[in-house]
Amino acid sequence: LWRASADFDGVIAWPDEPAEAAAFAALAASVPTVWMGHAGQGERVGFANEAIGAQAAEYLLGRGLRALAFYGERLDRGYARERAAGFRARAAAAGVTAALHD
């Protein structure tokens, strides 16, 4: 588990475990904290997941690739489904069918 120290003025936190989230929540009472994704309470930075997927497809398409696949190990999660949707939509707009693997 991450331990707080006094050598910083602010934190960007993306805890993976409940114990980490609790530690950051306690820290946030005294140190400005920005939470990544859906964790924590207070200031938050989110992700444009469909845009992330579309940008990834654009990168590959821009290099002339046409046999594309999206691998998402966590397709049961909303963010992964959104990224896959953006990837496949951008590929489809270029006339390419992208495979989906999980």
C-alpha atoms as a PDB file:
ATOM      1  CA  LEU A   1       0.000   0.000   0.000  1.00  0.00           C
ATOM      2  CA  TRP A   2       1.248   3.469  -0.886  1.00  0.00           C
ATOM      3  CA  ARG A   3       2.293   5.594   2.067  1.00  0.00           C
ATOM      4  CA  ALA A   4       1.959   9.368   2.206  1.00  0.00           C
ATOM      5  CA  SER A   5       4.967  11.553   2.910  1.00  0.00           C
ATOM      6  CA  ALA A   6       5.308  15.298   3.435  1.00  0.00           C
ATOM      7  CA  ASP A   7       7.458  16.003   0.354  1.00  0.00           C
ATOM      8  CA  PHE A   8       4.654  16.983  -2.058  1.00  0.00           C
ATOM      9  CA  ASP A   9       1.961  19.625  -2.354  1.00  0.00           C
ATOM     10  CA  GLY A  10      -0.664  17.721  -4.338  1.00  0.00           C
ATOM     11  CA  VAL A  11      -1.571  14.253  -5.607  1.00  0.00           C
ATOM     12  CA  ILE A  12      -3.131  12.706  -8.696  1.00  0.00           C
ATOM     13  CA  ALA A  13      -4.596   9.437  -7.428  1.00  0.00           C
ATOM     14  CA  TRP A  14      -5.778   6.375  -9.309  1.00  0.00           C
ATOM     15  CA  PRO A  15      -6.130   3.728  -6.610  1.00  0.00           C
ATOM     16  CA  ASP A  16      -6.796   0.143  -7.666  1.00  0.00           C
ATOM     17  CA  GLU A  17      -7.707  -1.314  -4.301  1.00  0.00           C
ATOM     18  CA  PRO A  18     -10.195  -0.208  -1.623  1.00  0.00           C
ATOM     19  CA  ALA A  19      -7.384   0.152   0.943  1.00  0.00           C
ATOM     20  CA  GLU A  20      -5.520   2.514  -1.402  1.00  0.00           C
ATOM     21  CA  ALA A  21      -8.684   4.533  -2.005  1.00  0.00           C
ATOM     22  CA  ALA A  22      -9.171   4.861   1.758  1.00  0.00           C
ATOM     23  CA  ALA A  23      -5.569   6.026   2.233  1.00  0.00           C
ATOM     24  CA  PHE A  24      -5.935   8.640  -0.501  1.00  0.00           C
ATOM     25  CA  ALA A  25      -9.295   9.769   0.872  1.00  0.00           C
ATOM     26  CA  ALA A  26      -7.658  10.413   4.253  1.00  0.00           C
ATOM     27  CA  LEU A  27      -4.805  12.260   2.548  1.00  0.00           C
ATOM     28  CA  ALA A  28      -7.241  14.365   0.507  1.00  0.00           C
ATOM     29  CA  ALA A  29      -8.445  15.989   3.722  1.00  0.00           C
ATOM     30  CA  SER A  30      -5.131  17.862   3.958  1.00  0.00           C
ATOM     31  CA  VAL A  31      -3.484  17.675   0.498  1.00  0.00           C
ATOM     32  CA  PRO A  32      -5.142  18.753  -2.788  1.00  0.00           C
ATOM     33  CA  THR A  33      -6.029  15.522  -4.587  1.00  0.00           C
ATOM     34  CA  VAL A  34      -7.329  14.929  -8.106  1.00  0.00           C
ATOM     35  CA  TRP A  35      -8.902  11.523  -8.647  1.00  0.00           C
ATOM     36  CA  MET A  36      -8.515   9.626 -11.928  1.00  0.00           C
ATOM     37  CA  GLY A  37     -11.503   7.825 -13.387  1.00  0.00           C
ATOM     38  CA  HIS A  38     -14.410   7.089 -11.052  1.00  0.00           C
ATOM     39  CA  ALA A  39     -12.473   6.633  -7.809  1.00  0.00           C
ATOM     40  CA  GLY A  40     -12.704   8.956  -4.838  1.00  0.00           C
ATOM     41  CA  GLN A  41     -14.698  12.068  -4.165  1.00  0.00           C
ATOM     42  CA  GLY A  42     -13.951  15.640  -5.133  1.00  0.00           C
ATOM     43  CA  GLU A  43     -12.037  16.874  -8.172  1.00  0.00           C
ATOM     44  CA  ARG A  44     -11.945  14.206 -10.847  1.00  0.00           C
ATOM     45  CA  VAL A  45     -10.307  13.634 -14.231  1.00  0.00           C
ATOM     46  CA  GLY A  46     -12.280  11.401 -16.557  1.00  0.00           C
ATOM     47  CA  PHE A  47     -11.521   9.737 -19.852  1.00  0.00           C
ATOM     48  CA  ALA A  48     -13.147  10.106 -23.264  1.00  0.00           C
ATOM     49  CA  ASN A  49     -13.063   6.367 -23.834  1.00  0.00           C
ATOM     50  CA  GLU A  50     -14.689   6.293 -27.271  1.00  0.00           C
ATOM     51  CA  ALA A  51     -12.248   8.980 -28.421  1.00  0.00           C
ATOM     52  CA  ILE A  52      -9.331   6.940 -27.058  1.00  0.00           C
ATOM     53  CA  GLY A  53     -10.440   3.930 -29.104  1.00  0.00           C
ATOM     54  CA  ALA A  54     -11.021   6.048 -32.212  1.00  0.00           C
ATOM     55  CA  GLN A  55      -7.597   7.668 -31.897  1.00  0.00           C
ATOM     56  CA  ALA A  56      -5.939   4.257 -31.588  1.00  0.00           C
ATOM     57  CA  ALA A  57      -7.686   3.093 -34.775  1.00  0.00           C
ATOM     58  CA  GLU A  58      -6.745   6.339 -36.530  1.00  0.00           C
ATOM     59  CA  TYR A  59      -3.103   5.765 -35.634  1.00  0.00           C
ATOM     60  CA  LEU A  60      -3.146   2.296 -37.201  1.00  0.00           C
ATOM     61  CA  LEU A  61      -5.170   3.373 -40.232  1.00  0.00           C
ATOM     62  CA  GLY A  62      -2.801   6.291 -40.787  1.00  0.00           C
ATOM     63  CA  ARG A  63       0.007   3.806 -41.207  1.00  0.00           C
ATOM     64  CA  GLY A  64      -1.859   2.017 -43.962  1.00  0.00           C
ATOM     65  CA  LEU A  65      -2.927  -0.953 -41.867  1.00  0.00           C
ATOM     66  CA  ARG A  66      -6.255  -2.554 -42.716  1.00  0.00           C
ATOM     67  CA  ALA A  67      -6.419  -5.828 -40.762  1.00  0.00           C
ATOM     68  CA  LEU A  68      -7.216  -4.355 -37.349  1.00  0.00           C
ATOM     69  CA  ALA A  69      -8.125  -5.992 -34.054  1.00  0.00           C
ATOM     70  CA  PHE A  70      -9.065  -4.629 -30.651  1.00  0.00           C
ATOM     71  CA  TYR A  71      -7.986  -6.660 -27.630  1.00  0.00           C
ATOM     72  CA  GLY A  72      -9.739  -5.720 -24.405  1.00  0.00           C
ATOM     73  CA  GLU A  73      -9.093  -7.965 -21.460  1.00  0.00           C
ATOM     74  CA  ARG A  74     -11.843  -6.294 -19.427  1.00  0.00           C
ATOM     75  CA  LEU A  75     -14.729  -6.009 -21.894  1.00  0.00           C
ATOM     76  CA  ASP A  76     -17.079  -6.557 -18.972  1.00  0.00           C
ATOM     77  CA  ARG A  77     -16.163  -3.012 -17.904  1.00  0.00           C
ATOM     78  CA  GLY A  78     -17.827   0.056 -19.382  1.00  0.00           C
ATOM     79  CA  TYR A  79     -14.581   1.855 -20.238  1.00  0.00           C
ATOM     80  CA  ALA A  80     -13.308  -1.111 -22.277  1.00  0.00           C
ATOM     81  CA  ARG A  81     -16.606  -1.470 -24.155  1.00  0.00           C
ATOM     82  CA  GLU A  82     -16.557   2.279 -24.933  1.00  0.00           C
ATOM     83  CA  ARG A  83     -12.967   2.099 -26.214  1.00  0.00           C
ATOM     84  CA  ALA A  84     -13.818  -0.915 -28.365  1.00  0.00           C
ATOM     85  CA  ALA A  85     -16.857   0.905 -29.773  1.00  0.00           C
ATOM     86  CA  GLY A  86     -14.758   3.944 -30.699  1.00  0.00           C
ATOM     87  CA  PHE A  87     -12.094   1.750 -32.274  1.00  0.00           C
ATOM     88  CA  ARG A  88     -14.581  -0.219 -34.335  1.00  0.00           C
ATOM     89  CA  ALA A  89     -16.556   2.873 -35.370  1.00  0.00           C
ATOM     90  CA  ARG A  90     -13.440   4.642 -36.666  1.00  0.00           C
ATOM     91  CA  ALA A  91     -12.336   1.502 -38.494  1.00  0.00           C
ATOM     92  CA  ALA A  92     -15.812   1.134 -40.033  1.00  0.00           C
ATOM     93  CA  ALA A  93     -15.727   4.766 -41.182  1.00  0.00           C
ATOM     94  CA  ALA A  94     -12.583   3.834 -43.127  1.00  0.00           C
ATOM     95  CA  GLY A  95     -14.286   0.772 -44.620  1.00  0.00           C
ATOM     96  CA  VAL A  96     -12.446  -1.680 -42.361  1.00  0.00           C
ATOM     97  CA  THR A  97     -14.005  -4.319 -40.128  1.00  0.00           C
ATOM     98  CA  ALA A  98     -12.031  -4.570 -36.881  1.00  0.00           C
ATOM     99  CA  ALA A  99     -11.958  -7.856 -35.003  1.00  0.00           C
ATOM    100  CA  LEU A 100     -12.773  -7.788 -31.303  1.00  0.00           C
ATOM    101  CA  HIS A 101     -10.943 -10.093 -28.864  1.00  0.00           C
ATOM    102  CA  ASP A 102     -11.247 -10.422 -25.122  1.00  0.00           C
END
